[in-house]
Amino acid sequence: VRGIHLINEPLFFHPVFTLIKPFLSEKIKARIHLHGSNYLQT
């Protein structure tokens, strides 16, 4: 898994993301990118 990109993430998604993160390796965590609603630029 070389990269995980999240776009259009709402605020109430973050509790779920917080639930998953502890189970992920540090390598995977470093490859997660949060783009929000500005994804067309990023």
Full PDB file with SEQRES, HELIX, SHEET, SSBOND, CRYST1, ORIGX, SCALE, CONECT and MASTER records, all heavy atoms in Angstrom:
SEQRES   1 A   42  VAL ARG GLY ILE HIS LEU ILE ASN GLU PRO LEU PHE PHE          
SEQRES   2 A   42  HIS PRO VAL PHE THR LEU ILE LYS PRO PHE LEU SER GLU          
SEQRES   3 A   42  LYS ILE LYS ALA ARG ILE HIS LEU HIS GLY SER ASN TYR          
SEQRES   4 A   42  LEU GLN THR                                                  
HELIX    1 AA1 LEU A   11  PHE A   13  5                                   3    
HELIX    2 AA2 HIS A   14  ILE A   20  1                                   7    
HELIX    3 AA3 LYS A   21  PHE A   23  5                                   3    
HELIX    4 AA4 GLU A   26  ALA A   30  1                                   5    
SHEET    1 AA1 2 ILE A   4  ILE A   7  0                                        
SHEET    2 AA1 2 ILE A  32  GLY A  36  1                                        
CRYST1    1.000    1.000    1.000  90.00  90.00  90.00 P 1           1          
ORIGX1      1.000000  0.000000  0.000000        0.00000                         
ORIGX2      0.000000  1.000000  0.000000        0.00000                         
ORIGX3      0.000000  0.000000  1.000000        0.00000                         
SCALE1      1.000000  0.000000  0.000000        0.00000                         
SCALE2      0.000000  1.000000  0.000000        0.00000                         
SCALE3      0.000000  0.000000  1.000000        0.00000                         
ATOM      1  N   VAL A   1       0.870  -1.179   0.000  1.00  0.00           N  
ATOM      2  CA  VAL A   1       0.000   0.000   0.000  1.00  0.00           C  
ATOM      3  C   VAL A   1       0.904   1.225   0.000  1.00  0.00           C  
ATOM      4  O   VAL A   1       1.490   1.588   1.010  1.00  0.00           O  
ATOM      5  CB  VAL A   1      -0.952   0.003   1.210  1.00  0.00           C  
ATOM      6  CG1 VAL A   1      -1.833   1.250   1.192  1.00  0.00           C  
ATOM      7  CG2 VAL A   1      -1.799  -1.259   1.219  1.00  0.00           C  
ATOM      8  N   ARG A   2       1.009   1.874  -1.156  1.00  0.00           N  
ATOM      9  CA  ARG A   2       1.950   2.980  -1.334  1.00  0.00           C  
ATOM     10  C   ARG A   2       1.359   4.332  -0.962  1.00  0.00           C  
ATOM     11  O   ARG A   2       2.096   5.302  -0.789  1.00  0.00           O  
ATOM     12  CB  ARG A   2       2.428   3.022  -2.788  1.00  0.00           C  
ATOM     13  CG  ARG A   2       3.239   1.815  -3.231  1.00  0.00           C  
ATOM     14  CD  ARG A   2       4.500   1.677  -2.432  1.00  0.00           C  
ATOM     15  NE  ARG A   2       5.481   0.826  -3.116  1.00  0.00           N  
ATOM     16  CZ  ARG A   2       6.602   0.413  -2.561  1.00  0.00           C  
ATOM     17  NH1 ARG A   2       6.879   0.748  -1.309  1.00  0.00           N  
ATOM     18  NH2 ARG A   2       7.455  -0.348  -3.233  1.00  0.00           N  
ATOM     19  N   GLY A   3       0.037   4.407  -0.858  1.00  0.00           N  
ATOM     20  CA  GLY A   3      -0.571   5.680  -0.499  1.00  0.00           C  
ATOM     21  C   GLY A   3      -2.063   5.536  -0.290  1.00  0.00           C  
ATOM     22  O   GLY A   3      -2.728   4.739  -0.958  1.00  0.00           O  
ATOM     23  N   ILE A   4      -2.602   6.305   0.666  1.00  0.00           N  
ATOM     24  CA  ILE A   4      -4.038   6.352   0.936  1.00  0.00           C  
ATOM     25  C   ILE A   4      -4.429   7.826   0.943  1.00  0.00           C  
ATOM     26  O   ILE A   4      -3.934   8.610   1.762  1.00  0.00           O  
ATOM     27  CB  ILE A   4      -4.394   5.699   2.283  1.00  0.00           C  
ATOM     28  CG1 ILE A   4      -3.986   4.212   2.285  1.00  0.00           C  
ATOM     29  CG2 ILE A   4      -5.876   5.845   2.585  1.00  0.00           C  
ATOM     30  CD1 ILE A   4      -4.155   3.531   3.632  1.00  0.00           C  
ATOM     31  N   HIS A   5      -5.301   8.201   0.026  1.00  0.00           N  
ATOM     32  CA  HIS A   5      -5.688   9.599  -0.129  1.00  0.00           C  
ATOM     33  C   HIS A   5      -7.177   9.744   0.190  1.00  0.00           C  
ATOM     34  O   HIS A   5      -8.019   9.069  -0.411  1.00  0.00           O  
ATOM     35  CB  HIS A   5      -5.413  10.074  -1.554  1.00  0.00           C  
ATOM     36  CG  HIS A   5      -3.955  10.059  -1.910  1.00  0.00           C  
ATOM     37  ND1 HIS A   5      -3.175  11.203  -1.910  1.00  0.00           N  
ATOM     38  CD2 HIS A   5      -3.128   9.047  -2.262  1.00  0.00           C  
ATOM     39  CE1 HIS A   5      -1.936  10.889  -2.250  1.00  0.00           C  
ATOM     40  NE2 HIS A   5      -1.882   9.577  -2.464  1.00  0.00           N  
ATOM     41  N   LEU A   6      -7.491  10.622   1.145  1.00  0.00           N  
ATOM     42  CA  LEU A   6      -8.866  10.877   1.540  1.00  0.00           C  
ATOM     43  C   LEU A   6      -9.271  12.253   1.032  1.00  0.00           C  
ATOM     44  O   LEU A   6      -8.555  13.242   1.244  1.00  0.00           O  
ATOM     45  CB  LEU A   6      -9.019  10.817   3.060  1.00  0.00           C  
ATOM     46  CG  LEU A   6      -8.485   9.564   3.762  1.00  0.00           C  
ATOM     47  CD1 LEU A   6      -8.727   9.656   5.257  1.00  0.00           C  
ATOM     48  CD2 LEU A   6      -9.120   8.301   3.199  1.00  0.00           C  
ATOM     49  N   ILE A   7     -10.420  12.330   0.362  1.00  0.00           N  
ATOM     50  CA  ILE A   7     -10.931  13.613  -0.110  1.00  0.00           C  
ATOM     51  C   ILE A   7     -12.367  13.785   0.363  1.00  0.00           C  
ATOM     52  O   ILE A   7     -13.072  12.816   0.638  1.00  0.00           O  
ATOM     53  CB  ILE A   7     -10.854  13.740  -1.647  1.00  0.00           C  
ATOM     54  CG1 ILE A   7     -11.792  12.751  -2.334  1.00  0.00           C  
ATOM     55  CG2 ILE A   7      -9.422  13.513  -2.127  1.00  0.00           C  
ATOM     56  CD1 ILE A   7     -11.870  12.927  -3.835  1.00  0.00           C  
ATOM     57  N   ASN A   8     -12.776  15.045   0.487  1.00  0.00           N  
ATOM     58  CA  ASN A   8     -14.142  15.393   0.918  1.00  0.00           C  
ATOM     59  C   ASN A   8     -14.481  14.799   2.273  1.00  0.00           C  
ATOM     60  O   ASN A   8     -15.650  14.493   2.543  1.00  0.00           O  
ATOM     61  CB  ASN A   8     -15.167  14.906  -0.131  1.00  0.00           C  
ATOM     62  CG  ASN A   8     -15.141  15.736  -1.398  1.00  0.00           C  
ATOM     63  OD1 ASN A   8     -14.979  16.954  -1.351  1.00  0.00           O  
ATOM     64  ND2 ASN A   8     -15.290  15.078  -2.543  1.00  0.00           N  
ATOM     65  N   GLU A   9     -13.485  14.633   3.139  1.00  0.00           N  
ATOM     66  CA  GLU A   9     -13.769  14.015   4.425  1.00  0.00           C  
ATOM     67  C   GLU A   9     -14.492  15.008   5.342  1.00  0.00           C  
ATOM     68  O   GLU A   9     -14.007  16.109   5.594  1.00  0.00           O  
ATOM     69  CB  GLU A   9     -12.490  13.496   5.090  1.00  0.00           C  
ATOM     70  CG  GLU A   9     -11.437  14.519   5.457  1.00  0.00           C  
ATOM     71  CD  GLU A   9     -10.468  14.826   4.320  1.00  0.00           C  
ATOM     72  OE1 GLU A   9     -10.817  14.566   3.157  1.00  0.00           O  
ATOM     73  OE2 GLU A   9      -9.390  15.358   4.614  1.00  0.00           O  
ATOM     74  N   PRO A  10     -15.684  14.650   5.857  1.00  0.00           N  
ATOM     75  CA  PRO A  10     -16.422  15.520   6.784  1.00  0.00           C  
ATOM     76  C   PRO A  10     -15.840  15.408   8.186  1.00  0.00           C  
ATOM     77  O   PRO A  10     -15.106  14.470   8.498  1.00  0.00           O  
ATOM     78  CB  PRO A  10     -17.846  14.965   6.729  1.00  0.00           C  
ATOM     79  CG  PRO A  10     -17.647  13.514   6.434  1.00  0.00           C  
ATOM     80  CD  PRO A  10     -16.430  13.421   5.554  1.00  0.00           C  
ATOM     81  N   LEU A  11     -16.200  16.343   9.023  1.00  0.00           N  
ATOM     82  CA  LEU A  11     -15.671  16.346  10.388  1.00  0.00           C  
ATOM     83  C   LEU A  11     -16.062  15.074  11.135  1.00  0.00           C  
ATOM     84  O   LEU A  11     -15.264  14.527  11.898  1.00  0.00           O  
ATOM     85  CB  LEU A  11     -16.180  17.577  11.144  1.00  0.00           C  
ATOM     86  CG  LEU A  11     -15.538  18.917  10.774  1.00  0.00           C  
ATOM     87  CD1 LEU A  11     -16.207  20.058  11.535  1.00  0.00           C  
ATOM     88  CD2 LEU A  11     -14.036  18.889  11.067  1.00  0.00           C  
ATOM     89  N   PHE A  12     -17.288  14.584  10.915  1.00  0.00           N  
ATOM     90  CA  PHE A  12     -17.714  13.421  11.691  1.00  0.00           C  
ATOM     91  C   PHE A  12     -17.161  12.110  11.130  1.00  0.00           C  
ATOM     92  O   PHE A  12     -17.519  11.035  11.598  1.00  0.00           O  
ATOM     93  CB  PHE A  12     -19.239  13.357  11.831  1.00  0.00           C  
ATOM     94  CG  PHE A  12     -20.009  13.365  10.543  1.00  0.00           C  
ATOM     95  CD1 PHE A  12     -20.302  12.190   9.885  1.00  0.00           C  
ATOM     96  CD2 PHE A  12     -20.449  14.556  10.001  1.00  0.00           C  
ATOM     97  CE1 PHE A  12     -21.019  12.182   8.705  1.00  0.00           C  
ATOM     98  CE2 PHE A  12     -21.173  14.567   8.813  1.00  0.00           C  
ATOM     99  CZ  PHE A  12     -21.455  13.381   8.168  1.00  0.00           C  
ATOM    100  N   PHE A  13     -16.279  12.193  10.128  1.00  0.00           N  
ATOM    101  CA  PHE A  13     -15.540  10.999   9.723  1.00  0.00           C  
ATOM    102  C   PHE A  13     -14.346  10.763  10.640  1.00  0.00           C  
ATOM    103  O   PHE A  13     -13.909   9.629  10.824  1.00  0.00           O  
ATOM    104  CB  PHE A  13     -15.047  11.133   8.279  1.00  0.00           C  
ATOM    105  CG  PHE A  13     -14.067  10.055   7.872  1.00  0.00           C  
ATOM    106  CD1 PHE A  13     -14.499   8.769   7.598  1.00  0.00           C  
ATOM    107  CD2 PHE A  13     -12.697  10.318   7.810  1.00  0.00           C  
ATOM    108  CE1 PHE A  13     -13.598   7.767   7.250  1.00  0.00           C  
ATOM    109  CE2 PHE A  13     -11.792   9.328   7.458  1.00  0.00           C  
ATOM    110  CZ  PHE A  13     -12.247   8.052   7.176  1.00  0.00           C  
ATOM    111  N   HIS A  14     -13.821  11.808  11.223  1.00  0.00           N  
ATOM    112  CA  HIS A  14     -12.578  11.711  11.989  1.00  0.00           C  
ATOM    113  C   HIS A  14     -12.656  10.745  13.177  1.00  0.00           C  
ATOM    114  O   HIS A  14     -11.660  10.078  13.478  1.00  0.00           O  
ATOM    115  CB  HIS A  14     -12.121  13.104  12.433  1.00  0.00           C  
ATOM    116  CG  HIS A  14     -11.646  13.941  11.279  1.00  0.00           C  
ATOM    117  ND1 HIS A  14     -10.389  13.803  10.725  1.00  0.00           N  
ATOM    118  CD2 HIS A  14     -12.267  14.900  10.541  1.00  0.00           C  
ATOM    119  CE1 HIS A  14     -10.248  14.639   9.720  1.00  0.00           C  
ATOM    120  NE2 HIS A  14     -11.375  15.316   9.585  1.00  0.00           N  
ATOM    121  N   PRO A  15     -13.795  10.619  13.881  1.00  0.00           N  
ATOM    122  CA  PRO A  15     -13.853   9.595  14.942  1.00  0.00           C  
ATOM    123  C   PRO A  15     -13.609   8.179  14.403  1.00  0.00           C  
ATOM    124  O   PRO A  15     -12.956   7.363  15.076  1.00  0.00           O  
ATOM    125  CB  PRO A  15     -15.271   9.748  15.499  1.00  0.00           C  
ATOM    126  CG  PRO A  15     -15.620  11.167  15.246  1.00  0.00           C  
ATOM    127  CD  PRO A  15     -14.997  11.485  13.921  1.00  0.00           C  
ATOM    128  N   VAL A  16     -14.113   7.882  13.214  1.00  0.00           N  
ATOM    129  CA  VAL A  16     -13.864   6.565  12.614  1.00  0.00           C  
ATOM    130  C   VAL A  16     -12.392   6.424  12.250  1.00  0.00           C  
ATOM    131  O   VAL A  16     -11.772   5.379  12.481  1.00  0.00           O  
ATOM    132  CB  VAL A  16     -14.753   6.366  11.365  1.00  0.00           C  
ATOM    133  CG1 VAL A  16     -14.376   5.074  10.638  1.00  0.00           C  
ATOM    134  CG2 VAL A  16     -16.212   6.331  11.768  1.00  0.00           C  
ATOM    135  N   PHE A  17     -11.829   7.467  11.704  1.00  0.00           N  
ATOM    136  CA  PHE A  17     -10.406   7.453  11.354  1.00  0.00           C  
ATOM    137  C   PHE A  17      -9.556   7.250  12.609  1.00  0.00           C  
ATOM    138  O   PHE A  17      -8.569   6.503  12.596  1.00  0.00           O  
ATOM    139  CB  PHE A  17     -10.053   8.768  10.660  1.00  0.00           C  
ATOM    140  CG  PHE A  17      -8.663   8.810  10.090  1.00  0.00           C  
ATOM    141  CD1 PHE A  17      -8.195   7.787   9.277  1.00  0.00           C  
ATOM    142  CD2 PHE A  17      -7.813   9.875  10.343  1.00  0.00           C  
ATOM    143  CE1 PHE A  17      -6.916   7.824   8.737  1.00  0.00           C  
ATOM    144  CE2 PHE A  17      -6.541   9.921   9.814  1.00  0.00           C  
ATOM    145  CZ  PHE A  17      -6.092   8.894   9.017  1.00  0.00           C  
ATOM    146  N   THR A  18      -9.951   7.889  13.685  1.00  0.00           N  
ATOM    147  CA  THR A  18      -9.239   7.728  14.964  1.00  0.00           C  
ATOM    148  C   THR A  18      -9.341   6.295  15.473  1.00  0.00           C  
ATOM    149  O   THR A  18      -8.410   5.773  16.099  1.00  0.00           O  
ATOM    150  CB  THR A  18      -9.824   8.699  16.008  1.00  0.00           C  
ATOM    151  OG1 THR A  18      -9.684  10.043  15.540  1.00  0.00           O  
ATOM    152  CG2 THR A  18      -9.107   8.566  17.348  1.00  0.00           C  
ATOM    153  N   LEU A  19     -10.468   5.642  15.181  1.00  0.00           N  
ATOM    154  CA  LEU A  19     -10.668   4.252  15.604  1.00  0.00           C  
ATOM    155  C   LEU A  19      -9.738   3.306  14.854  1.00  0.00           C  
ATOM    156  O   LEU A  19      -9.214   2.340  15.426  1.00  0.00           O  
ATOM    157  CB  LEU A  19     -12.128   3.862  15.363  1.00  0.00           C  
ATOM    158  CG  LEU A  19     -12.580   2.464  15.798  1.00  0.00           C  
ATOM    159  CD1 LEU A  19     -12.530   2.335  17.310  1.00  0.00           C  
ATOM    160  CD2 LEU A  19     -13.989   2.186  15.272  1.00  0.00           C  
ATOM    161  N   ILE A  20      -9.505   3.581  13.578  1.00  0.00           N  
ATOM    162  CA  ILE A  20      -8.698   2.706  12.733  1.00  0.00           C  
ATOM    163  C   ILE A  20      -7.199   2.925  12.934  1.00  0.00           C  
ATOM    164  O   ILE A  20      -6.415   1.972  12.916  1.00  0.00           O  
ATOM    165  CB  ILE A  20      -9.078   2.908  11.248  1.00  0.00           C  
ATOM    166  CG1 ILE A  20     -10.523   2.479  11.005  1.00  0.00           C  
ATOM    167  CG2 ILE A  20      -8.141   2.134  10.331  1.00  0.00           C  
ATOM    168  CD1 ILE A  20     -11.022   2.780   9.612  1.00  0.00           C  
ATOM    169  N   LYS A  21      -6.790   4.171  13.143  1.00  0.00           N  
ATOM    170  CA  LYS A  21      -5.369   4.521  13.156  1.00  0.00           C  
ATOM    171  C   LYS A  21      -4.506   3.699  14.105  1.00  0.00           C  
ATOM    172  O   LYS A  21      -3.391   3.315  13.738  1.00  0.00           O  
ATOM    173  CB  LYS A  21      -5.183   6.016  13.450  1.00  0.00           C  
ATOM    174  CG  LYS A  21      -5.351   6.896  12.232  1.00  0.00           C  
ATOM    175  CD  LYS A  21      -5.014   8.348  12.532  1.00  0.00           C  
ATOM    176  CE  LYS A  21      -3.515   8.558  12.677  1.00  0.00           C  
ATOM    177  NZ  LYS A  21      -3.187   9.990  12.813  1.00  0.00           N  
ATOM    178  N   PRO A  22      -4.953   3.403  15.341  1.00  0.00           N  
ATOM    179  CA  PRO A  22      -4.078   2.637  16.241  1.00  0.00           C  
ATOM    180  C   PRO A  22      -3.684   1.270  15.717  1.00  0.00           C  
ATOM    181  O   PRO A  22      -2.662   0.714  16.131  1.00  0.00           O  
ATOM    182  CB  PRO A  22      -4.922   2.516  17.526  1.00  0.00           C  
ATOM    183  CG  PRO A  22      -5.868   3.659  17.473  1.00  0.00           C  
ATOM    184  CD  PRO A  22      -6.193   3.829  16.021  1.00  0.00           C  
ATOM    185  N   PHE A  23      -4.483   0.703  14.821  1.00  0.00           N  
ATOM    186  CA  PHE A  23      -4.189  -0.622  14.283  1.00  0.00           C  
ATOM    187  C   PHE A  23      -3.246  -0.570  13.080  1.00  0.00           C  
ATOM    188  O   PHE A  23      -2.813  -1.616  12.584  1.00  0.00           O  
ATOM    189  CB  PHE A  23      -5.488  -1.327  13.878  1.00  0.00           C  
ATOM    190  CG  PHE A  23      -6.470  -1.506  15.000  1.00  0.00           C  
ATOM    191  CD1 PHE A  23      -7.695  -0.863  14.987  1.00  0.00           C  
ATOM    192  CD2 PHE A  23      -6.165  -2.315  16.090  1.00  0.00           C  
ATOM    193  CE1 PHE A  23      -8.610  -1.028  16.018  1.00  0.00           C  
ATOM    194  CE2 PHE A  23      -7.065  -2.491  17.130  1.00  0.00           C  
ATOM    195  CZ  PHE A  23      -8.291  -1.846  17.096  1.00  0.00           C  
ATOM    196  N   LEU A  24      -2.945   0.628  12.599  1.00  0.00           N  
ATOM    197  CA  LEU A  24      -2.104   0.770  11.411  1.00  0.00           C  
ATOM    198  C   LEU A  24      -0.635   0.904  11.784  1.00  0.00           C  
ATOM    199  O   LEU A  24      -0.298   1.450  12.842  1.00  0.00           O  
ATOM    200  CB  LEU A  24      -2.528   2.013  10.608  1.00  0.00           C  
ATOM    201  CG  LEU A  24      -3.966   2.044  10.089  1.00  0.00           C  
ATOM    202  CD1 LEU A  24      -4.250   3.375   9.411  1.00  0.00           C  
ATOM    203  CD2 LEU A  24      -4.219   0.891   9.138  1.00  0.00           C  
ATOM    204  N   SER A  25       0.230   0.413  10.916  1.00  0.00           N  
ATOM    205  CA  SER A  25       1.665   0.562  11.145  1.00  0.00           C  
ATOM    206  C   SER A  25       2.074   2.013  10.929  1.00  0.00           C  
ATOM    207  O   SER A  25       1.368   2.790  10.272  1.00  0.00           O  
ATOM    208  CB  SER A  25       2.447  -0.333  10.182  1.00  0.00           C  
ATOM    209  OG  SER A  25       2.289   0.128   8.846  1.00  0.00           O  
ATOM    210  N   GLU A  26       3.213   2.388  11.470  1.00  0.00           N  
ATOM    211  CA  GLU A  26       3.703   3.751  11.282  1.00  0.00           C  
ATOM    212  C   GLU A  26       3.967   4.041   9.808  1.00  0.00           C  
ATOM    213  O   GLU A  26       3.771   5.168   9.333  1.00  0.00           O  
ATOM    214  CB  GLU A  26       4.975   3.966  12.104  1.00  0.00           C  
ATOM    215  CG  GLU A  26       4.752   3.936  13.615  1.00  0.00           C  
ATOM    216  CD  GLU A  26       3.721   4.960  14.070  1.00  0.00           C  
ATOM    217  OE1 GLU A  26       3.781   6.111  13.599  1.00  0.00           O  
ATOM    218  OE2 GLU A  26       2.854   4.598  14.895  1.00  0.00           O  
ATOM    219  N   LYS A  27       4.388   3.032   9.071  1.00  0.00           N  
ATOM    220  CA  LYS A  27       4.653   3.216   7.645  1.00  0.00           C  
ATOM    221  C   LYS A  27       3.376   3.566   6.899  1.00  0.00           C  
ATOM    222  O   LYS A  27       3.360   4.467   6.053  1.00  0.00           O  
ATOM    223  CB  LYS A  27       5.278   1.946   7.062  1.00  0.00           C  
ATOM    224  CG  LYS A  27       5.645   2.059   5.585  1.00  0.00           C  
ATOM    225  CD  LYS A  27       6.215   0.752   5.051  1.00  0.00           C  
ATOM    226  CE  LYS A  27       7.577   0.470   5.630  1.00  0.00           C  
ATOM    227  NZ  LYS A  27       8.213  -0.726   5.009  1.00  0.00           N  
ATOM    228  N   ILE A  28       2.286   2.865   7.224  1.00  0.00           N  
ATOM    229  CA  ILE A  28       1.011   3.147   6.568  1.00  0.00           C  
ATOM    230  C   ILE A  28       0.496   4.532   6.979  1.00  0.00           C  
ATOM    231  O   ILE A  28       0.012   5.311   6.145  1.00  0.00           O  
ATOM    232  CB  ILE A  28      -0.035   2.081   6.902  1.00  0.00           C  
ATOM    233  CG1 ILE A  28       0.359   0.732   6.285  1.00  0.00           C  
ATOM    234  CG2 ILE A  28      -1.419   2.496   6.412  1.00  0.00           C  
ATOM    235  CD1 ILE A  28       0.330   0.717   4.771  1.00  0.00           C  
ATOM    236  N   LYS A  29       0.612   4.853   8.258  1.00  0.00           N  
ATOM    237  CA  LYS A  29       0.154   6.171   8.726  1.00  0.00           C  
ATOM    238  C   LYS A  29       0.858   7.297   7.977  1.00  0.00           C  
ATOM    239  O   LYS A  29       0.246   8.320   7.643  1.00  0.00           O  
ATOM    240  CB  LYS A  29       0.420   6.313  10.229  1.00  0.00           C  
ATOM    241  CG  LYS A  29      -0.452   5.453  11.117  1.00  0.00           C  
ATOM    242  CD  LYS A  29      -0.056   5.634  12.578  1.00  0.00           C  
ATOM    243  CE  LYS A  29      -0.806   4.684  13.490  1.00  0.00           C  
ATOM    244  NZ  LYS A  29      -0.359   4.794  14.903  1.00  0.00           N  
ATOM    245  N   ALA A  30       2.143   7.113   7.704  1.00  0.00           N  
ATOM    246  CA  ALA A  30       2.914   8.151   7.015  1.00  0.00           C  
ATOM    247  C   ALA A  30       2.487   8.311   5.560  1.00  0.00           C  
ATOM    248  O   ALA A  30       2.809   9.321   4.919  1.00  0.00           O  
ATOM    249  CB  ALA A  30       4.404   7.833   7.091  1.00  0.00           C  
ATOM    250  N   ARG A  31       1.759   7.337   5.035  1.00  0.00           N  
ATOM    251  CA  ARG A  31       1.345   7.373   3.634  1.00  0.00           C  
ATOM    252  C   ARG A  31      -0.112   7.816   3.461  1.00  0.00           C  
ATOM    253  O   ARG A  31      -0.668   7.695   2.378  1.00  0.00           O  
ATOM    254  CB  ARG A  31       1.559   5.991   3.002  1.00  0.00           C  
ATOM    255  CG  ARG A  31       3.032   5.619   2.908  1.00  0.00           C  
ATOM    256  CD  ARG A  31       3.255   4.205   2.424  1.00  0.00           C  
ATOM    257  NE  ARG A  31       4.682   3.931   2.286  1.00  0.00           N  
ATOM    258  CZ  ARG A  31       5.204   2.743   2.024  1.00  0.00           C  
ATOM    259  NH1 ARG A  31       4.402   1.699   1.857  1.00  0.00           N  
ATOM    260  NH2 ARG A  31       6.514   2.574   1.930  1.00  0.00           N  
ATOM    261  N   ILE A  32      -0.720   8.298   4.537  1.00  0.00           N  
ATOM    262  CA  ILE A  32      -2.096   8.787   4.479  1.00  0.00           C  
ATOM    263  C   ILE A  32      -2.092  10.291   4.214  1.00  0.00           C  
ATOM    264  O   ILE A  32      -1.390  11.043   4.872  1.00  0.00           O  
ATOM    265  CB  ILE A  32      -2.846   8.471   5.781  1.00  0.00           C  
ATOM    266  CG1 ILE A  32      -2.956   6.949   5.976  1.00  0.00           C  
ATOM    267  CG2 ILE A  32      -4.229   9.109   5.773  1.00  0.00           C  
ATOM    268  CD1 ILE A  32      -3.572   6.540   7.296  1.00  0.00           C  
ATOM    269  N   HIS A  33      -2.877  10.716   3.232  1.00  0.00           N  
ATOM    270  CA  HIS A  33      -2.963  12.127   2.852  1.00  0.00           C  
ATOM    271  C   HIS A  33      -4.412  12.581   2.971  1.00  0.00           C  
ATOM    272  O   HIS A  33      -5.315  11.967   2.412  1.00  0.00           O  
ATOM    273  CB  HIS A  33      -2.477  12.328   1.413  1.00  0.00           C  
ATOM    274  CG  HIS A  33      -1.105  11.790   1.152  1.00  0.00           C  
ATOM    275  ND1 HIS A  33       0.043  12.552   1.248  1.00  0.00           N  
ATOM    276  CD2 HIS A  33      -0.687  10.536   0.802  1.00  0.00           C  
ATOM    277  CE1 HIS A  33       1.094  11.811   0.963  1.00  0.00           C  
ATOM    278  NE2 HIS A  33       0.684  10.582   0.697  1.00  0.00           N  
ATOM    279  N   LEU A  34      -4.627  13.661   3.703  1.00  0.00           N  
ATOM    280  CA  LEU A  34      -5.961  14.239   3.862  1.00  0.00           C  
ATOM    281  C   LEU A  34      -6.056  15.483   2.983  1.00  0.00           C  
ATOM    282  O   LEU A  34      -5.369  16.472   3.204  1.00  0.00           O  
ATOM    283  CB  LEU A  34      -6.213  14.591   5.329  1.00  0.00           C  
ATOM    284  CG  LEU A  34      -6.027  13.456   6.350  1.00  0.00           C  
ATOM    285  CD1 LEU A  34      -6.277  13.958   7.760  1.00  0.00           C  
ATOM    286  CD2 LEU A  34      -6.937  12.280   6.035  1.00  0.00           C  
ATOM    287  N   HIS A  35      -6.937  15.440   1.986  1.00  0.00           N  
ATOM    288  CA  HIS A  35      -7.038  16.531   1.018  1.00  0.00           C  
ATOM    289  C   HIS A  35      -8.211  17.464   1.279  1.00  0.00           C  
ATOM    290  O   HIS A  35      -8.214  18.593   0.775  1.00  0.00           O  
ATOM    291  CB  HIS A  35      -7.165  15.960  -0.397  1.00  0.00           C  
ATOM    292  CG  HIS A  35      -5.974  15.208  -0.867  1.00  0.00           C  
ATOM    293  ND1 HIS A  35      -4.943  15.777  -1.580  1.00  0.00           N  
ATOM    294  CD2 HIS A  35      -5.638  13.895  -0.718  1.00  0.00           C  
ATOM    295  CE1 HIS A  35      -4.035  14.871  -1.866  1.00  0.00           C  
ATOM    296  NE2 HIS A  35      -4.426  13.711  -1.348  1.00  0.00           N  
ATOM    297  N   GLY A  36      -9.207  17.010   2.021  1.00  0.00           N  
ATOM    298  CA  GLY A  36     -10.377  17.837   2.262  1.00  0.00           C  
ATOM    299  C   GLY A  36     -11.126  18.146   0.980  1.00  0.00           C  
ATOM    300  O   GLY A  36     -11.124  17.374   0.016  1.00  0.00           O  
ATOM    301  N   SER A  37     -11.755  19.328   0.953  1.00  0.00           N  
ATOM    302  CA  SER A  37     -12.523  19.737  -0.223  1.00  0.00           C  
ATOM    303  C   SER A  37     -11.661  20.430  -1.265  1.00  0.00           C  
ATOM    304  O   SER A  37     -12.150  20.785  -2.346  1.00  0.00           O  
ATOM    305  CB  SER A  37     -13.666  20.665   0.207  1.00  0.00           C  
ATOM    306  OG  SER A  37     -13.149  21.813   0.873  1.00  0.00           O  
ATOM    307  N   ASN A  38     -10.383  20.605  -0.962  1.00  0.00           N  
ATOM    308  CA  ASN A  38      -9.456  21.287  -1.875  1.00  0.00           C  
ATOM    309  C   ASN A  38      -8.747  20.302  -2.804  1.00  0.00           C  
ATOM    310  O   ASN A  38      -7.700  20.622  -3.374  1.00  0.00           O  
ATOM    311  CB  ASN A  38      -8.420  22.075  -1.049  1.00  0.00           C  
ATOM    312  CG  ASN A  38      -7.655  23.068  -1.890  1.00  0.00           C  
ATOM    313  OD1 ASN A  38      -8.224  23.744  -2.749  1.00  0.00           O  
ATOM    314  ND2 ASN A  38      -6.354  23.171  -1.658  1.00  0.00           N  
ATOM    315  N   TYR A  39      -9.307  19.125  -2.982  1.00  0.00           N  
ATOM    316  CA  TYR A  39      -8.611  18.051  -3.687  1.00  0.00           C  
ATOM    317  C   TYR A  39      -8.330  18.346  -5.154  1.00  0.00           C  
ATOM    318  O   TYR A  39      -7.379  17.807  -5.726  1.00  0.00           O  
ATOM    319  CB  TYR A  39      -9.395  16.744  -3.565  1.00  0.00           C  
ATOM    320  CG  TYR A  39     -10.743  16.765  -4.244  1.00  0.00           C  
ATOM    321  CD1 TYR A  39     -10.889  16.365  -5.566  1.00  0.00           C  
ATOM    322  CD2 TYR A  39     -11.880  17.186  -3.556  1.00  0.00           C  
ATOM    323  CE1 TYR A  39     -12.116  16.386  -6.189  1.00  0.00           C  
ATOM    324  CE2 TYR A  39     -13.109  17.204  -4.171  1.00  0.00           C  
ATOM    325  CZ  TYR A  39     -13.224  16.813  -5.493  1.00  0.00           C  
ATOM    326  OH  TYR A  39     -14.439  16.834  -6.106  1.00  0.00           O  
ATOM    327  N   LEU A  40      -9.125  19.192  -5.790  1.00  0.00           N  
ATOM    328  CA  LEU A  40      -8.880  19.482  -7.201  1.00  0.00           C  
ATOM    329  C   LEU A  40      -7.531  20.175  -7.420  1.00  0.00           C  
ATOM    330  O   LEU A  40      -6.959  20.083  -8.509  1.00  0.00           O  
ATOM    331  CB  LEU A  40     -10.008  20.354  -7.773  1.00  0.00           C  
ATOM    332  CG  LEU A  40     -11.335  19.637  -8.023  1.00  0.00           C  
ATOM    333  CD1 LEU A  40     -12.387  20.615  -8.506  1.00  0.00           C  
ATOM    334  CD2 LEU A  40     -11.166  18.492  -9.020  1.00  0.00           C  
ATOM    335  N   GLN A  41      -7.046  20.833  -6.381  1.00  0.00           N  
ATOM    336  CA  GLN A  41      -5.733  21.459  -6.472  1.00  0.00           C  
ATOM    337  C   GLN A  41      -4.608  20.518  -6.035  1.00  0.00           C  
ATOM    338  O   GLN A  41      -3.506  20.551  -6.580  1.00  0.00           O  
ATOM    339  CB  GLN A  41      -5.689  22.733  -5.609  1.00  0.00           C  
ATOM    340  CG  GLN A  41      -6.394  23.941  -6.209  1.00  0.00           C  
ATOM    341  CD  GLN A  41      -7.908  23.790  -6.227  1.00  0.00           C  
ATOM    342  OE1 GLN A  41      -8.499  23.385  -5.226  1.00  0.00           O  
ATOM    343  NE2 GLN A  41      -8.534  24.084  -7.356  1.00  0.00           N  
ATOM    344  N   THR A  42      -4.886  19.658  -5.043  1.00  0.00           N  
ATOM    345  CA  THR A  42      -3.816  18.858  -4.439  1.00  0.00           C  
ATOM    346  C   THR A  42      -3.706  17.443  -5.001  1.00  0.00           C  
ATOM    347  O   THR A  42      -2.602  16.915  -5.154  1.00  0.00           O  
ATOM    348  CB  THR A  42      -4.023  18.777  -2.915  1.00  0.00           C  
ATOM    349  OG1 THR A  42      -5.308  18.193  -2.639  1.00  0.00           O  
ATOM    350  CG2 THR A  42      -3.949  20.168  -2.289  1.00  0.00           C  
TER     351      THR A  42                                                      
MASTER        0    0    0    4    2    0    0    6  350    1    0    4          
END                                                                             
